[in-house]
PDB file of N, CA and C in Angstrom:
ATOM      1  N   MET A   1     150.557  67.948  70.937  1.00  0.00           N
ATOM      2  CA  MET A   1     151.060  66.987  71.641  1.00  0.00           C
ATOM      3  C   MET A   1     150.128  65.841  71.770  1.00  0.00           C
ATOM      4  N   TYR A   2     150.530  64.781  71.923  1.00  0.00           N
ATOM      5  CA  TYR A   2     149.817  63.635  72.253  1.00  0.00           C
ATOM      6  C   TYR A   2     149.888  62.823  73.301  1.00  0.00           C
ATOM      7  N   ASN A   3     148.752  62.793  73.922  1.00  0.00           N
ATOM      8  CA  ASN A   3     148.582  61.889  75.402  1.00  0.00           C
ATOM      9  C   ASN A   3     147.342  61.263  75.474  1.00  0.00           C
ATOM     10  N   PRO A   4     147.535  60.053  75.215  1.00  0.00           N
ATOM     11  CA  PRO A   4     146.299  59.289  75.155  1.00  0.00           C
ATOM     12  C   PRO A   4     145.609  59.032  76.618  1.00  0.00           C
ATOM     13  N   SER A   5     146.147  59.615  77.878  1.00  0.00           N
ATOM     14  CA  SER A   5     145.552  59.358  79.015  1.00  0.00           C
ATOM     15  C   SER A   5     144.522  60.669  79.192  1.00  0.00           C
ATOM     16  N   LEU A   6     144.875  61.748  78.117  1.00  0.00           N
ATOM     17  CA  LEU A   6     143.817  62.920  78.063  1.00  0.00           C
ATOM     18  C   LEU A   6     143.021  62.906  77.057  1.00  0.00           C
ATOM     19  N   ARG A   7     141.777  63.235  77.383  1.00  0.00           N
ATOM     20  CA  ARG A   7     140.630  63.576  76.568  1.00  0.00           C
ATOM     21  C   ARG A   7     139.818  64.681  76.800  1.00  0.00           C
ATOM     22  N   GLN A   8     139.074  65.250  76.000  1.00  0.00           N
ATOM     23  CA  GLN A   8     138.527  66.615  76.028  1.00  0.00           C
ATOM     24  C   GLN A   8     136.806  66.114  76.265  1.00  0.00           C
ATOM     25  N   GLU A   9     136.251  66.475  77.379  1.00  0.00           N
ATOM     26  CA  GLU A   9     134.835  66.209  77.503  1.00  0.00           C
ATOM     27  C   GLU A   9     134.285  67.534  77.550  1.00  0.00           C
ATOM     28  N   PRO A  10     132.883  67.540  77.136  1.00  0.00           N
ATOM     29  CA  PRO A  10     132.134  68.972  76.909  1.00  0.00           C
ATOM     30  C   PRO A  10     131.943  69.553  78.219  1.00  0.00           C
ATOM     31  N   ARG A  11     131.969  70.717  78.582  1.00  0.00           N
ATOM     32  CA  ARG A  11     132.055  71.266  80.091  1.00  0.00           C
ATOM     33  C   ARG A  11     130.620  70.974  80.779  1.00  0.00           C
ATOM     34  N   TYR A  12     129.528  71.318  80.002  1.00  0.00           N
ATOM     35  CA  TYR A  12     128.389  71.297  80.783  1.00  0.00           C
ATOM     36  C   TYR A  12     127.671  69.687  80.494  1.00  0.00           C
ATOM     37  N   GLU A  13     128.440  68.713  80.053  1.00  0.00           N
ATOM     38  CA  GLU A  13     128.092  67.217  79.767  1.00  0.00           C
ATOM     39  C   GLU A  13     128.474  66.227  81.401  1.00  0.00           C
ATOM     40  N   PRO A  14     127.710  65.482  81.747  1.00  0.00           N
ATOM     41  CA  PRO A  14     128.597  64.604  82.960  1.00  0.00           C
ATOM     42  C   PRO A  14     129.665  63.802  82.184  1.00  0.00           C
ATOM     43  N   ALA A  15     130.595  63.686  82.956  1.00  0.00           N
ATOM     44  CA  ALA A  15     131.713  63.182  82.597  1.00  0.00           C
ATOM     45  C   ALA A  15     131.700  61.667  82.380  1.00  0.00           C
ATOM     46  N   THR A  16     132.437  60.940  81.809  1.00  0.00           N
ATOM     47  CA  THR A  16     132.291  59.533  81.695  1.00  0.00           C
ATOM     48  C   THR A  16     132.993  58.817  82.829  1.00  0.00           C
ATOM     49  N   VAL A  17     132.410  57.797  83.441  1.00  0.00           N
ATOM     50  CA  VAL A  17     133.094  57.157  84.659  1.00  0.00           C
ATOM     51  C   VAL A  17     134.105  56.271  84.208  1.00  0.00           C
ATOM     52  N   ILE A  18     135.192  56.275  84.910  1.00  0.00           N
ATOM     53  CA  ILE A  18     136.493  55.307  84.324  1.00  0.00           C
ATOM     54  C   ILE A  18     135.994  54.132  84.883  1.00  0.00           C
ATOM     55  N   PRO A  19     135.916  52.818  84.098  1.00  0.00           N
ATOM     56  CA  PRO A  19     135.672  51.770  84.788  1.00  0.00           C
ATOM     57  C   PRO A  19     136.764  51.109  85.673  1.00  0.00           C
ATOM     58  N   LEU A  20     136.301  50.295  86.720  1.00  0.00           N
ATOM     59  CA  LEU A  20     137.268  49.865  87.637  1.00  0.00           C
ATOM     60  C   LEU A  20     137.709  48.627  87.198  1.00  0.00           C
ATOM     61  N   LYS A  21     138.760  48.261  87.693  1.00  0.00           N
ATOM     62  CA  LYS A  21     139.406  46.770  87.153  1.00  0.00           C
ATOM     63  C   LYS A  21     139.206  46.189  88.395  1.00  0.00           C
ATOM     64  N   GLN A  22     138.435  44.946  88.131  1.00  0.00           N
ATOM     65  CA  GLN A  22     137.862  44.180  89.177  1.00  0.00           C
ATOM     66  C   GLN A  22     138.923  42.808  89.487  1.00  0.00           C
ATOM     67  N   GLU A  23     139.935  42.765  88.486  1.00  0.00           N
ATOM     68  CA  GLU A  23     140.832  41.696  88.674  1.00  0.00           C
ATOM     69  C   GLU A  23     141.800  41.830  90.008  1.00  0.00           C
ATOM     70  N   SER A  24     141.905  42.967  90.652  1.00  0.00           N
ATOM     71  CA  SER A  24     142.997  42.957  91.821  1.00  0.00           C
ATOM     72  C   SER A  24     142.222  43.952  92.897  1.00  0.00           C
ATOM     73  N   SER A  25     142.592  43.956  94.268  1.00  0.00           N
ATOM     74  CA  SER A  25     142.572  44.833  94.986  1.00  0.00           C
ATOM     75  C   SER A  25     143.452  45.919  95.357  1.00  0.00           C
ATOM     76  N   LEU A  26     143.406  46.690  95.986  1.00  0.00           N
ATOM     77  CA  LEU A  26     144.421  47.609  96.402  1.00  0.00           C
ATOM     78  C   LEU A  26     145.554  47.106  97.274  1.00  0.00           C
ATOM     79  N   LEU A  27     145.537  45.930  98.122  1.00  0.00           N
ATOM     80  CA  LEU A  27     146.048  45.370  98.759  1.00  0.00           C
ATOM     81  C   LEU A  27     147.132  44.557  97.888  1.00  0.00           C
ATOM     82  N   ASP A  28     146.466  43.849  96.953  1.00  0.00           N
ATOM     83  CA  ASP A  28     147.033  43.019  95.905  1.00  0.00           C
ATOM     84  C   ASP A  28     147.985  43.730  95.195  1.00  0.00           C
ATOM     85  N   TRP A  29     147.836  45.037  94.728  1.00  0.00           N
ATOM     86  CA  TRP A  29     148.466  46.004  94.100  1.00  0.00           C
ATOM     87  C   TRP A  29     149.795  46.344  94.859  1.00  0.00           C
ATOM     88  N   LEU A  30     149.666  46.757  96.009  1.00  0.00           N
ATOM     89  CA  LEU A  30     150.664  46.975  97.127  1.00  0.00           C
ATOM     90  C   LEU A  30     151.685  45.859  97.077  1.00  0.00           C
ATOM     91  N   GLU A  31     151.196  44.743  97.233  1.00  0.00           N
ATOM     92  CA  GLU A  31     152.109  43.433  97.569  1.00  0.00           C
ATOM     93  C   GLU A  31     152.565  43.189  96.191  1.00  0.00           C
ATOM     94  N   ALA A  32     152.085  43.302  94.861  1.00  0.00           N
ATOM     95  CA  ALA A  32     152.673  42.677  93.940  1.00  0.00           C
ATOM     96  C   ALA A  32     153.747  43.918  93.472  1.00  0.00           C
ATOM     97  N   ASN A  33     153.896  45.038  93.626  1.00  0.00           N
ATOM     98  CA  ASN A  33     154.748  46.188  93.584  1.00  0.00           C
ATOM     99  C   ASN A  33     155.806  46.432  94.699  1.00  0.00           C
ATOM    100  N   GLY A  34     155.763  45.451  95.585  1.00  0.00           N
ATOM    101  CA  GLY A  34     156.625  45.477  96.745  1.00  0.00           C
ATOM    102  C   GLY A  34     156.462  46.884  97.656  1.00  0.00           C
ATOM    103  N   ARG A  35     155.191  47.308  97.754  1.00  0.00           N
ATOM    104  CA  ARG A  35     155.062  48.507  98.498  1.00  0.00           C
ATOM    105  C   ARG A  35     154.676  48.362  99.976  1.00  0.00           C
ATOM    106  N   ILE A  36     154.411  47.009 100.449  1.00  0.00           N
ATOM    107  CA  ILE A  36     154.340  46.853 101.742  1.00  0.00           C
ATOM    108  C   ILE A  36     155.405  46.339 102.414  1.00  0.00           C
ATOM    109  N   ILE A  37     155.392  47.002 103.660  1.00  0.00           N
ATOM    110  CA  ILE A  37     156.703  46.727 104.508  1.00  0.00           C
ATOM    111  C   ILE A  37     156.501  45.932 105.713  1.00  0.00           C
ATOM    112  N   PRO A  38     157.047  44.676 105.697  1.00  0.00           N
ATOM    113  CA  PRO A  38     156.558  43.931 106.918  1.00  0.00           C
ATOM    114  C   PRO A  38     156.901  44.938 108.349  1.00  0.00           C
ATOM    115  N   ARG A  39     155.887  44.591 109.275  1.00  0.00           N
ATOM    116  CA  ARG A  39     156.355  45.045 110.397  1.00  0.00           C
ATOM    117  C   ARG A  39     157.407  44.616 111.364  1.00  0.00           C
ATOM    118  N   GLU A  40     158.094  45.328 112.084  1.00  0.00           N
ATOM    119  CA  GLU A  40     159.157  44.878 112.972  1.00  0.00           C
ATOM    120  C   GLU A  40     158.691  44.417 114.279  1.00  0.00           C
ATOM    121  N   VAL A  41     159.122  43.000 114.522  1.00  0.00           N
ATOM    122  CA  VAL A  41     158.726  42.633 115.858  1.00  0.00           C
ATOM    123  C   VAL A  41     159.032  43.494 117.079  1.00  0.00           C
ATOM    124  N   GLN A  42     158.147  44.103 118.067  1.00  0.00           N
ATOM    125  CA  GLN A  42     158.191  44.816 119.113  1.00  0.00           C
ATOM    126  C   GLN A  42     158.151  44.122 120.101  1.00  0.00           C
ATOM    127  N   GLU A  43     159.269  44.411 121.411  1.00  0.00           N
ATOM    128  CA  GLU A  43     159.023  43.712 122.729  1.00  0.00           C
ATOM    129  C   GLU A  43     157.841  44.338 123.300  1.00  0.00           C
ATOM    130  N   LYS A  44     157.249  43.447 123.965  1.00  0.00           N
ATOM    131  CA  LYS A  44     155.944  43.901 124.791  1.00  0.00           C
ATOM    132  C   LYS A  44     156.568  44.688 125.993  1.00  0.00           C
ATOM    133  N   VAL A  45     156.285  45.973 126.166  1.00  0.00           N
ATOM    134  CA  VAL A  45     156.213  46.716 127.162  1.00  0.00           C
ATOM    135  C   VAL A  45     155.432  46.396 128.594  1.00  0.00           C
ATOM    136  N   ASN A  46     155.936  46.194 129.646  1.00  0.00           N
ATOM    137  CA  ASN A  46     155.431  45.941 130.569  1.00  0.00           C
ATOM    138  C   ASN A  46     154.581  47.232 131.374  1.00  0.00           C
ATOM    139  N   ASP A  47     153.215  47.435 131.029  1.00  0.00           N
ATOM    140  CA  ASP A  47     152.407  48.514 131.612  1.00  0.00           C
ATOM    141  C   ASP A  47     152.416  48.644 132.894  1.00  0.00           C
ATOM    142  N   ILE A  48     152.413  47.634 133.447  1.00  0.00           N
ATOM    143  CA  ILE A  48     152.280  47.747 135.072  1.00  0.00           C
ATOM    144  C   ILE A  48     153.323  48.840 135.562  1.00  0.00           C
ATOM    145  N   GLU A  49     154.527  48.587 135.145  1.00  0.00           N
ATOM    146  CA  GLU A  49     155.440  49.249 135.915  1.00  0.00           C
ATOM    147  C   GLU A  49     155.047  50.959 135.586  1.00  0.00           C
ATOM    148  N   ASP A  50     154.421  51.317 134.323  1.00  0.00           N
ATOM    149  CA  ASP A  50     153.986  52.922 134.136  1.00  0.00           C
ATOM    150  C   ASP A  50     153.107  53.077 135.148  1.00  0.00           C
ATOM    151  N   ASP A  51     151.832  52.192 135.443  1.00  0.00           N
ATOM    152  CA  ASP A  51     150.946  52.492 136.276  1.00  0.00           C
ATOM    153  C   ASP A  51     151.372  52.780 137.611  1.00  0.00           C
ATOM    154  N   VAL A  52     152.230  52.020 138.132  1.00  0.00           N
ATOM    155  CA  VAL A  52     152.991  52.259 139.304  1.00  0.00           C
ATOM    156  C   VAL A  52     153.338  53.724 139.466  1.00  0.00           C
ATOM    157  N   GLU A  53     154.274  53.944 138.504  1.00  0.00           N
ATOM    158  CA  GLU A  53     154.562  55.474 138.345  1.00  0.00           C
ATOM    159  C   GLU A  53     153.590  56.440 138.291  1.00  0.00           C
ATOM    160  N   ILE A  54     152.433  56.258 137.745  1.00  0.00           N
ATOM    161  CA  ILE A  54     151.454  57.331 137.618  1.00  0.00           C
ATOM    162  C   ILE A  54     150.560  57.286 138.838  1.00  0.00           C
ATOM    163  N   SER A  55     150.346  56.158 139.335  1.00  0.00           N
ATOM    164  CA  SER A  55     150.018  56.230 140.710  1.00  0.00           C
ATOM    165  C   SER A  55     150.457  57.022 141.834  1.00  0.00           C
ATOM    166  N   GLU A  56     151.941  56.697 141.698  1.00  0.00           N
ATOM    167  CA  GLU A  56     152.692  57.542 142.730  1.00  0.00           C
ATOM    168  C   GLU A  56     152.468  59.060 142.028  1.00  0.00           C
ATOM    169  N   LEU A  57     152.504  59.758 141.234  1.00  0.00           N
ATOM    170  CA  LEU A  57     152.092  60.799 140.941  1.00  0.00           C
ATOM    171  C   LEU A  57     150.627  61.349 141.195  1.00  0.00           C
ATOM    172  N   MET A  58     149.875  60.436 141.143  1.00  0.00           N
ATOM    173  CA  MET A  58     148.288  60.929 141.455  1.00  0.00           C
ATOM    174  C   MET A  58     148.109  60.963 142.842  1.00  0.00           C
ATOM    175  N   ASP A  59     149.034  60.350 143.769  1.00  0.00           N
ATOM    176  CA  ASP A  59     148.908  60.621 145.175  1.00  0.00           C
ATOM    177  C   ASP A  59     149.397  61.813 145.786  1.00  0.00           C
ATOM    178  N   VAL A  60     150.213  62.393 145.168  1.00  0.00           N
ATOM    179  CA  VAL A  60     150.870  63.832 145.394  1.00  0.00           C
ATOM    180  C   VAL A  60     149.788  64.878 145.722  1.00  0.00           C
ATOM    181  N   ASP A  61     149.488  65.290 146.890  1.00  0.00           N
ATOM    182  CA  ASP A  61     148.577  66.723 147.059  1.00  0.00           C
ATOM    183  C   ASP A  61     149.437  67.862 146.871  1.00  0.00           C
ATOM    184  N   ASP A  62     148.744  68.621 145.980  1.00  0.00           N
ATOM    185  CA  ASP A  62     149.302  69.707 145.422  1.00  0.00           C
ATOM    186  C   ASP A  62     148.725  71.156 146.181  1.00  0.00           C
ATOM    187  N   HIS A  63     149.363  71.532 147.227  1.00  0.00           N
ATOM    188  CA  HIS A  63     148.493  72.668 147.964  1.00  0.00           C
ATOM    189  C   HIS A  63     148.482  73.806 147.302  1.00  0.00           C
ATOM    190  N   ASP A  64     149.729  73.788 146.305  1.00  0.00           N
ATOM    191  CA  ASP A  64     149.911  75.546 145.666  1.00  0.00           C
ATOM    192  C   ASP A  64     149.195  75.541 144.605  1.00  0.00           C
ATOM    193  N   PHE A  65     148.203  74.832 144.257  1.00  0.00           N
ATOM    194  CA  PHE A  65     147.215  74.762 143.057  1.00  0.00           C
ATOM    195  C   PHE A  65     146.140  75.754 143.638  1.00  0.00           C
ATOM    196  N   VAL A  66     145.823  76.873 142.725  1.00  0.00           N
ATOM    197  CA  VAL A  66     144.630  77.754 143.082  1.00  0.00           C
ATOM    198  C   VAL A  66     143.645  77.538 141.994  1.00  0.00           C
ATOM    199  N   ASP A  67     142.409  77.415 142.436  1.00  0.00           N
ATOM    200  CA  ASP A  67     141.444  77.134 141.590  1.00  0.00           C
ATOM    201  C   ASP A  67     141.018  78.353 141.121  1.00  0.00           C
ATOM    202  N   ASP A  68     141.057  78.867 140.001  1.00  0.00           N
ATOM    203  CA  ASP A  68     140.544  79.995 139.485  1.00  0.00           C
ATOM    204  C   ASP A  68     138.925  80.373 139.575  1.00  0.00           C
ATOM    205  N   ASP A  69     138.212  79.466 139.432  1.00  0.00           N
ATOM    206  CA  ASP A  69     136.889  79.550 139.739  1.00  0.00           C
ATOM    207  C   ASP A  69     136.676  79.992 141.010  1.00  0.00           C
ATOM    208  N   HIS A  70     137.186  79.463 142.139  1.00  0.00           N
ATOM    209  CA  HIS A  70     136.634  80.045 143.393  1.00  0.00           C
ATOM    210  C   HIS A  70     137.653  81.275 143.724  1.00  0.00           C
ATOM    211  N   SER A  71     138.454  81.476 142.829  1.00  0.00           N
ATOM    212  CA  SER A  71     139.242  82.597 143.384  1.00  0.00           C
ATOM    213  C   SER A  71     138.488  83.844 142.980  1.00  0.00           C
ATOM    214  N   ASP A  72     137.723  83.860 141.900  1.00  0.00           N
ATOM    215  CA  ASP A  72     136.559  84.851 141.487  1.00  0.00           C
ATOM    216  C   ASP A  72     135.584  85.332 142.228  1.00  0.00           C
ATOM    217  N   ASP A  73     135.124  83.827 142.828  1.00  0.00           N
ATOM    218  CA  ASP A  73     134.318  84.354 143.910  1.00  0.00           C
ATOM    219  C   ASP A  73     134.384  84.971 145.077  1.00  0.00           C
ATOM    220  N   GLN A  74     135.609  84.902 145.408  1.00  0.00           N
ATOM    221  CA  GLN A  74     136.072  85.736 146.635  1.00  0.00           C
ATOM    222  C   GLN A  74     136.323  87.190 146.459  1.00  0.00           C
ATOM    223  N   ASP A  75     136.555  87.544 145.105  1.00  0.00           N
ATOM    224  CA  ASP A  75     136.872  88.891 144.783  1.00  0.00           C
ATOM    225  C   ASP A  75     135.584  89.734 144.870  1.00  0.00           C
ATOM    226  N   GLU A  76     134.315  89.170 144.801  1.00  0.00           N
ATOM    227  CA  GLU A  76     132.966  89.791 144.732  1.00  0.00           C
ATOM    228  C   GLU A  76     132.645  90.502 145.946  1.00  0.00           C
TER     229      GLU A  76
END
């Protein structure tokens, strides 16, 4: 079987280093091969509305919450 990409190297000898192609970068290669997909324009979400909802949730006092650390102290 002939495969020019494969070659045999001695087991206990350091492998030869494959030379880098300095002519293009990875980004250039991706653009040349049509592998980069442009991002779709997204509408800006109003974060202030989300903050109001979160602050409303944070204002609620939950009296049903039992702190496990303090309940262990009472058992002793």
